[in-house]
PDB file of N, CA and C in Angstrom:
ATOM      1  N   MET A   1      -1.434  38.455  42.818  1.00  0.00           N
ATOM      2  CA  MET A   1      -2.605  37.850  41.914  1.00  0.00           C
ATOM      3  C   MET A   1      -2.352  36.782  41.921  1.00  0.00           C
ATOM      4  N   PHE A   2      -1.333  37.057  40.774  1.00  0.00           N
ATOM      5  CA  PHE A   2      -1.361  35.345  40.635  1.00  0.00           C
ATOM      6  C   PHE A   2      -0.503  34.281  41.246  1.00  0.00           C
ATOM      7  N   LYS A   3       0.215  35.388  42.351  1.00  0.00           N
ATOM      8  CA  LYS A   3       1.063  34.518  43.708  1.00  0.00           C
ATOM      9  C   LYS A   3       0.191  33.531  44.539  1.00  0.00           C
ATOM     10  N   THR A   4      -0.386  34.765  44.696  1.00  0.00           N
ATOM     11  CA  THR A   4      -1.390  34.148  46.594  1.00  0.00           C
ATOM     12  C   THR A   4      -2.297  32.441  45.556  1.00  0.00           C
ATOM     13  N   ARG A   5      -2.551  33.316  44.160  1.00  0.00           N
ATOM     14  CA  ARG A   5      -3.085  32.019  43.399  1.00  0.00           C
ATOM     15  C   ARG A   5      -2.642  30.629  43.934  1.00  0.00           C
ATOM     16  N   LEU A   6      -1.345  30.708  43.555  1.00  0.00           N
ATOM     17  CA  LEU A   6      -0.448  29.880  42.660  1.00  0.00           C
ATOM     18  C   LEU A   6      -0.581  29.449  44.132  1.00  0.00           C
ATOM     19  N   SER A   7      -0.066  29.890  45.824  1.00  0.00           N
ATOM     20  CA  SER A   7       0.100  29.413  47.126  1.00  0.00           C
ATOM     21  C   SER A   7      -1.261  28.718  47.399  1.00  0.00           C
ATOM     22  N   LYS A   8      -2.611  29.301  47.036  1.00  0.00           N
ATOM     23  CA  LYS A   8      -3.749  28.317  47.219  1.00  0.00           C
ATOM     24  C   LYS A   8      -3.564  27.408  47.178  1.00  0.00           C
ATOM     25  N   ILE A   9      -3.473  26.797  46.090  1.00  0.00           N
ATOM     26  CA  ILE A   9      -3.486  25.867  44.964  1.00  0.00           C
ATOM     27  C   ILE A   9      -2.538  24.589  45.377  1.00  0.00           C
ATOM     28  N   LEU A  10      -1.495  25.328  45.401  1.00  0.00           N
ATOM     29  CA  LEU A  10      -0.340  24.429  46.059  1.00  0.00           C
ATOM     30  C   LEU A  10      -0.575  23.736  47.629  1.00  0.00           C
ATOM     31  N   GLY A  11      -1.852  24.593  48.403  1.00  0.00           N
ATOM     32  CA  GLY A  11      -1.168  24.038  49.912  1.00  0.00           C
ATOM     33  C   GLY A  11      -2.387  23.027  49.439  1.00  0.00           C
ATOM     34  N   ALA A  12      -3.617  23.359  48.591  1.00  0.00           N
ATOM     35  CA  ALA A  12      -4.724  22.806  48.691  1.00  0.00           C
ATOM     36  C   ALA A  12      -4.061  20.745  48.354  1.00  0.00           C
ATOM     37  N   ILE A  13      -3.818  21.521  47.140  1.00  0.00           N
ATOM     38  CA  ILE A  13      -2.150  19.870  46.714  1.00  0.00           C
ATOM     39  C   ILE A  13      -1.646  19.411  46.927  1.00  0.00           C
ATOM     40  N   PHE A  14      -1.451  20.090  48.375  1.00  0.00           N
ATOM     41  CA  PHE A  14      -0.748  18.977  49.309  1.00  0.00           C
ATOM     42  C   PHE A  14      -1.028  18.953  50.680  1.00  0.00           C
ATOM     43  N   ILE A  15      -1.976  19.401  51.573  1.00  0.00           N
ATOM     44  CA  ILE A  15      -3.290  18.821  52.140  1.00  0.00           C
ATOM     45  C   ILE A  15      -3.231  17.979  52.047  1.00  0.00           C
ATOM     46  N   PHE A  16      -4.548  17.767  50.434  1.00  0.00           N
ATOM     47  CA  PHE A  16      -5.945  16.476  50.181  1.00  0.00           C
ATOM     48  C   PHE A  16      -3.802  15.072  50.058  1.00  0.00           C
ATOM     49  N   ALA A  17      -3.015  15.262  49.274  1.00  0.00           N
ATOM     50  CA  ALA A  17      -2.464  14.439  49.591  1.00  0.00           C
ATOM     51  C   ALA A  17      -1.596  14.255  50.529  1.00  0.00           C
ATOM     52  N   THR A  18      -1.262  15.468  51.502  1.00  0.00           N
ATOM     53  CA  THR A  18      -1.192  14.301  52.941  1.00  0.00           C
ATOM     54  C   THR A  18      -2.183  13.341  53.773  1.00  0.00           C
ATOM     55  N   ILE A  19      -3.595  13.908  52.755  1.00  0.00           N
ATOM     56  CA  ILE A  19      -4.391  13.103  53.038  1.00  0.00           C
ATOM     57  C   ILE A  19      -5.023  11.670  52.664  1.00  0.00           C
ATOM     58  N   MET A  20      -4.707  11.855  51.664  1.00  0.00           N
ATOM     59  CA  MET A  20      -4.873  11.295  50.613  1.00  0.00           C
ATOM     60  C   MET A  20      -3.751   9.042  50.934  1.00  0.00           C
ATOM     61  N   GLY A  21      -2.881   9.650  51.144  1.00  0.00           N
ATOM     62  CA  GLY A  21      -1.398   8.853  51.020  1.00  0.00           C
ATOM     63  C   GLY A  21      -1.848   7.128  52.495  1.00  0.00           C
ATOM     64  N   PRO A  22      -1.566   8.045  53.590  1.00  0.00           N
ATOM     65  CA  PRO A  22      -1.750   6.868  54.371  1.00  0.00           C
ATOM     66  C   PRO A  22      -3.239   7.348  55.535  1.00  0.00           C
ATOM     67  N   GLY A  23      -4.206   7.513  55.323  1.00  0.00           N
ATOM     68  CA  GLY A  23      -5.896   7.908  54.798  1.00  0.00           C
ATOM     69  C   GLY A  23      -6.634   6.628  54.228  1.00  0.00           C
ATOM     70  N   PRO A  24      -8.018   7.943  53.864  1.00  0.00           N
ATOM     71  CA  PRO A  24      -8.925   7.520  53.368  1.00  0.00           C
ATOM     72  C   PRO A  24      -8.532   6.610  51.543  1.00  0.00           C
ATOM     73  N   GLY A  25      -6.854   7.182  51.601  1.00  0.00           N
ATOM     74  CA  GLY A  25      -7.024   6.182  50.177  1.00  0.00           C
ATOM     75  C   GLY A  25      -6.119   4.903  49.920  1.00  0.00           C
ATOM     76  N   LEU A  26      -6.493   4.562  51.460  1.00  0.00           N
ATOM     77  CA  LEU A  26      -5.775   2.959  51.069  1.00  0.00           C
ATOM     78  C   LEU A  26      -6.257   2.207  51.509  1.00  0.00           C
ATOM     79  N   TYR A  27      -8.413   2.422  51.660  1.00  0.00           N
ATOM     80  CA  TYR A  27      -9.305   2.021  51.609  1.00  0.00           C
ATOM     81  C   TYR A  27      -9.583   1.928  50.069  1.00  0.00           C
ATOM     82  N   LEU A  28      -9.034   2.744  49.646  1.00  0.00           N
ATOM     83  CA  LEU A  28      -9.651   2.877  48.095  1.00  0.00           C
ATOM     84  C   LEU A  28      -8.640   1.235  46.932  1.00  0.00           C
ATOM     85  N   ILE A  29      -7.350   1.274  47.522  1.00  0.00           N
ATOM     86  CA  ILE A  29      -6.828   0.243  46.570  1.00  0.00           C
ATOM     87  C   ILE A  29      -7.239  -0.277  47.151  1.00  0.00           C
ATOM     88  N   MET A  30      -7.471  -1.303  48.539  1.00  0.00           N
ATOM     89  CA  MET A  30      -7.388  -2.263  49.374  1.00  0.00           C
ATOM     90  C   MET A  30      -8.964  -2.160  50.122  1.00  0.00           C
ATOM     91  N   PRO A  31      -9.873  -2.490  49.920  1.00  0.00           N
ATOM     92  CA  PRO A  31     -11.277  -2.656  49.865  1.00  0.00           C
ATOM     93  C   PRO A  31     -10.992  -3.342  50.989  1.00  0.00           C
ATOM     94  N   LYS A  32     -10.509  -4.638  50.826  1.00  0.00           N
ATOM     95  CA  LYS A  32     -10.941  -5.990  52.322  1.00  0.00           C
ATOM     96  C   LYS A  32      -9.048  -6.314  52.910  1.00  0.00           C
ATOM     97  N   GLU A  33      -9.649  -5.993  54.398  1.00  0.00           N
ATOM     98  CA  GLU A  33      -8.480  -6.358  54.336  1.00  0.00           C
ATOM     99  C   GLU A  33      -8.392  -7.352  54.628  1.00  0.00           C
ATOM    100  N   GLY A  34      -6.046  -7.933  54.391  1.00  0.00           N
ATOM    101  CA  GLY A  34      -5.884  -9.068  54.375  1.00  0.00           C
ATOM    102  C   GLY A  34      -5.148  -9.515  53.041  1.00  0.00           C
ATOM    103  N   GLU A  35      -6.240  -8.271  52.367  1.00  0.00           N
ATOM    104  CA  GLU A  35      -5.809  -8.898  50.944  1.00  0.00           C
ATOM    105  C   GLU A  35      -4.587  -7.887  49.708  1.00  0.00           C
ATOM    106  N   SER A  36      -3.386  -8.409  49.973  1.00  0.00           N
ATOM    107  CA  SER A  36      -2.079  -6.764  49.874  1.00  0.00           C
ATOM    108  C   SER A  36      -1.657  -7.867  48.857  1.00  0.00           C
ATOM    109  N   SER A  37      -2.065  -8.409  47.881  1.00  0.00           N
ATOM    110  CA  SER A  37      -0.927  -9.792  47.076  1.00  0.00           C
ATOM    111  C   SER A  37      -1.187  -8.637  45.127  1.00  0.00           C
ATOM    112  N   ALA A  38      -1.958  -7.632  45.362  1.00  0.00           N
ATOM    113  CA  ALA A  38      -2.146  -6.862  44.077  1.00  0.00           C
ATOM    114  C   ALA A  38      -0.403  -6.216  44.288  1.00  0.00           C
ATOM    115  N   SER A  39      -0.112  -6.008  42.718  1.00  0.00           N
ATOM    116  CA  SER A  39       1.274  -5.332  42.705  1.00  0.00           C
ATOM    117  C   SER A  39       1.147  -4.414  41.369  1.00  0.00           C
ATOM    118  N   VAL A  40       2.140  -2.875  41.360  1.00  0.00           N
ATOM    119  CA  VAL A  40       2.129  -2.159  40.550  1.00  0.00           C
ATOM    120  C   VAL A  40       3.746  -3.148  39.828  1.00  0.00           C
ATOM    121  N   VAL A  41       3.971  -3.133  38.642  1.00  0.00           N
ATOM    122  CA  VAL A  41       4.798  -3.050  38.224  1.00  0.00           C
ATOM    123  C   VAL A  41       5.978  -4.264  39.400  1.00  0.00           C
ATOM    124  N   GLY A  42       5.756  -5.313  40.071  1.00  0.00           N
ATOM    125  CA  GLY A  42       6.132  -6.274  40.502  1.00  0.00           C
ATOM    126  C   GLY A  42       6.825  -5.340  42.100  1.00  0.00           C
ATOM    127  N   ILE A  43       6.205  -3.668  42.760  1.00  0.00           N
ATOM    128  CA  ILE A  43       6.090  -3.496  43.661  1.00  0.00           C
ATOM    129  C   ILE A  43       4.501  -3.557  44.718  1.00  0.00           C
ATOM    130  N   PRO A  44       4.833  -3.042  45.705  1.00  0.00           N
ATOM    131  CA  PRO A  44       3.425  -3.559  46.407  1.00  0.00           C
ATOM    132  C   PRO A  44       2.501  -2.739  46.095  1.00  0.00           C
ATOM    133  N   ILE A  45       1.666  -2.990  46.067  1.00  0.00           N
ATOM    134  CA  ILE A  45       0.392  -1.346  45.603  1.00  0.00           C
ATOM    135  C   ILE A  45       0.207  -0.556  46.674  1.00  0.00           C
ATOM    136  N   LEU A  46      -0.045  -1.273  47.234  1.00  0.00           N
ATOM    137  CA  LEU A  46      -0.080  -0.179  48.667  1.00  0.00           C
ATOM    138  C   LEU A  46       1.768   0.821  49.209  1.00  0.00           C
ATOM    139  N   TYR A  47       2.827   0.439  48.888  1.00  0.00           N
ATOM    140  CA  TYR A  47       4.372   0.994  48.916  1.00  0.00           C
ATOM    141  C   TYR A  47       4.293   1.838  47.403  1.00  0.00           C
ATOM    142  N   ALA A  48       3.071   1.126  46.668  1.00  0.00           N
ATOM    143  CA  ALA A  48       2.798   2.780  45.221  1.00  0.00           C
ATOM    144  C   ALA A  48       2.841   3.768  45.935  1.00  0.00           C
ATOM    145  N   TRP A  49       1.309   3.221  46.213  1.00  0.00           N
ATOM    146  CA  TRP A  49       0.143   4.283  47.006  1.00  0.00           C
ATOM    147  C   TRP A  49       0.615   5.219  47.709  1.00  0.00           C
ATOM    148  N   VAL A  50       1.715   4.799  48.678  1.00  0.00           N
ATOM    149  CA  VAL A  50       2.145   5.520  48.865  1.00  0.00           C
ATOM    150  C   VAL A  50       3.370   6.679  48.506  1.00  0.00           C
ATOM    151  N   ALA A  51       4.006   5.960  47.852  1.00  0.00           N
ATOM    152  CA  ALA A  51       4.815   6.219  46.933  1.00  0.00           C
ATOM    153  C   ALA A  51       4.712   7.308  45.917  1.00  0.00           C
ATOM    154  N   PHE A  52       3.931   7.303  45.097  1.00  0.00           N
ATOM    155  CA  PHE A  52       2.668   8.058  44.916  1.00  0.00           C
ATOM    156  C   PHE A  52       2.520   9.770  45.201  1.00  0.00           C
ATOM    157  N   TRP A  53       2.136   9.452  46.007  1.00  0.00           N
ATOM    158  CA  TRP A  53       1.878  10.259  46.945  1.00  0.00           C
ATOM    159  C   TRP A  53       2.577  11.670  47.998  1.00  0.00           C
ATOM    160  N   PHE A  54       3.635  10.658  47.779  1.00  0.00           N
ATOM    161  CA  PHE A  54       4.930  11.116  48.668  1.00  0.00           C
ATOM    162  C   PHE A  54       5.689  11.723  46.733  1.00  0.00           C
ATOM    163  N   PHE A  55       5.519  11.319  46.115  1.00  0.00           N
ATOM    164  CA  PHE A  55       6.311  12.507  45.118  1.00  0.00           C
ATOM    165  C   PHE A  55       4.937  13.404  44.391  1.00  0.00           C
ATOM    166  N   VAL A  56       3.848  13.067  44.248  1.00  0.00           N
ATOM    167  CA  VAL A  56       3.322  14.786  44.256  1.00  0.00           C
ATOM    168  C   VAL A  56       3.117  15.880  45.212  1.00  0.00           C
ATOM    169  N   GLN A  57       3.645  15.124  46.264  1.00  0.00           N
ATOM    170  CA  GLN A  57       4.318  17.092  48.042  1.00  0.00           C
ATOM    171  C   GLN A  57       5.622  17.030  47.477  1.00  0.00           C
ATOM    172  N   ALA A  58       6.168  15.917  46.980  1.00  0.00           N
ATOM    173  CA  ALA A  58       8.050  16.848  46.699  1.00  0.00           C
ATOM    174  C   ALA A  58       7.360  17.427  45.727  1.00  0.00           C
ATOM    175  N   GLY A  59       6.946  17.561  44.500  1.00  0.00           N
ATOM    176  CA  GLY A  59       6.312  18.559  43.265  1.00  0.00           C
ATOM    177  C   GLY A  59       5.898  19.520  43.572  1.00  0.00           C
ATOM    178  N   VAL A  60       4.784  19.602  44.626  1.00  0.00           N
ATOM    179  CA  VAL A  60       4.243  20.997  45.134  1.00  0.00           C
ATOM    180  C   VAL A  60       5.275  21.835  45.546  1.00  0.00           C
ATOM    181  N   ILE A  61       6.218  20.585  46.906  1.00  0.00           N
ATOM    182  CA  ILE A  61       7.642  21.685  47.064  1.00  0.00           C
ATOM    183  C   ILE A  61       7.997  22.881  45.922  1.00  0.00           C
ATOM    184  N   LEU A  62       8.781  21.458  44.839  1.00  0.00           N
ATOM    185  CA  LEU A  62       9.474  21.905  44.472  1.00  0.00           C
ATOM    186  C   LEU A  62       9.008  23.029  43.556  1.00  0.00           C
ATOM    187  N   MET A  63       7.374  23.245  43.065  1.00  0.00           N
ATOM    188  CA  MET A  63       6.827  23.951  42.379  1.00  0.00           C
ATOM    189  C   MET A  63       7.052  25.091  43.145  1.00  0.00           C
ATOM    190  N   ALA A  64       7.094  25.400  44.513  1.00  0.00           N
ATOM    191  CA  ALA A  64       6.650  26.097  45.045  1.00  0.00           C
ATOM    192  C   ALA A  64       8.393  26.522  45.540  1.00  0.00           C
ATOM    193  N   ASN A  65       9.574  26.056  45.154  1.00  0.00           N
ATOM    194  CA  ASN A  65      10.381  26.753  45.429  1.00  0.00           C
ATOM    195  C   ASN A  65      11.127  27.677  44.352  1.00  0.00           C
ATOM    196  N   PHE A  66      10.599  26.677  43.293  1.00  0.00           N
ATOM    197  CA  PHE A  66      11.319  27.949  41.951  1.00  0.00           C
ATOM    198  C   PHE A  66      10.355  29.272  41.613  1.00  0.00           C
ATOM    199  N   LYS A  67       8.974  29.006  41.982  1.00  0.00           N
ATOM    200  CA  LYS A  67       7.697  29.629  41.031  1.00  0.00           C
ATOM    201  C   LYS A  67       7.517  30.718  43.342  1.00  0.00           C
ATOM    202  N   LEU A  68       7.561  30.567  43.917  1.00  0.00           N
ATOM    203  CA  LEU A  68       7.573  31.476  45.267  1.00  0.00           C
ATOM    204  C   LEU A  68       8.183  31.918  46.029  1.00  0.00           C
ATOM    205  N   TRP A  69       8.734  31.448  46.365  1.00  0.00           N
ATOM    206  CA  TRP A  69      10.299  31.673  47.405  1.00  0.00           C
ATOM    207  C   TRP A  69      11.279  31.769  46.633  1.00  0.00           C
ATOM    208  N   SER A  70      11.774  31.557  45.867  1.00  0.00           N
ATOM    209  CA  SER A  70      12.598  32.199  44.952  1.00  0.00           C
ATOM    210  C   SER A  70      12.799  34.031  45.393  1.00  0.00           C
ATOM    211  N   LYS A  71      11.587  34.159  44.433  1.00  0.00           N
ATOM    212  CA  LYS A  71      11.443  35.853  44.572  1.00  0.00           C
ATOM    213  C   LYS A  71      10.891  36.071  46.047  1.00  0.00           C
ATOM    214  N   GLN A  72      10.839  35.565  46.794  1.00  0.00           N
ATOM    215  CA  GLN A  72      10.716  35.524  48.573  1.00  0.00           C
ATOM    216  C   GLN A  72      12.039  36.344  49.049  1.00  0.00           C
ATOM    217  N   SER A  73      12.783  35.323  48.115  1.00  0.00           N
ATOM    218  CA  SER A  73      14.862  35.792  49.227  1.00  0.00           C
ATOM    219  C   SER A  73      15.251  36.855  48.545  1.00  0.00           C
ATOM    220  N   LYS A  74      14.988  37.196  47.341  1.00  0.00           N
ATOM    221  CA  LYS A  74      16.183  38.428  46.349  1.00  0.00           C
ATOM    222  C   LYS A  74      15.119  39.195  46.856  1.00  0.00           C
ATOM    223  N   LEU A  75      14.087  38.970  46.636  1.00  0.00           N
ATOM    224  CA  LEU A  75      13.363  40.603  47.868  1.00  0.00           C
ATOM    225  C   LEU A  75      13.868  41.174  48.945  1.00  0.00           C
ATOM    226  N   ASP A  76      13.942  40.008  50.149  1.00  0.00           N
ATOM    227  CA  ASP A  76      14.409  40.317  51.133  1.00  0.00           C
ATOM    228  C   ASP A  76      15.963  40.381  51.289  1.00  0.00           C
ATOM    229  N   GLU A  77      16.804  39.788  49.955  1.00  0.00           N
ATOM    230  CA  GLU A  77      17.874  41.058  50.361  1.00  0.00           C
ATOM    231  C   GLU A  77      18.075  42.656  50.341  1.00  0.00           C
TER     232      GLU A  77
END
């Protein structure tokens, strides 16, 4: 029960991060065309936005690896 619920939550987070990275999330941080002068700690805001969602996806993969997939591979052997 816990594994299936966790896998659904992780799947939903991963899909949401995939959509928000290059998709409609761009319009949230850059509502007007041509306005790309904003930055976060010296990094352009657009790059920081995409990198944030990449790290969210990487975190989902790592959590799935340690919580879900490692136990399945032990059962298969």
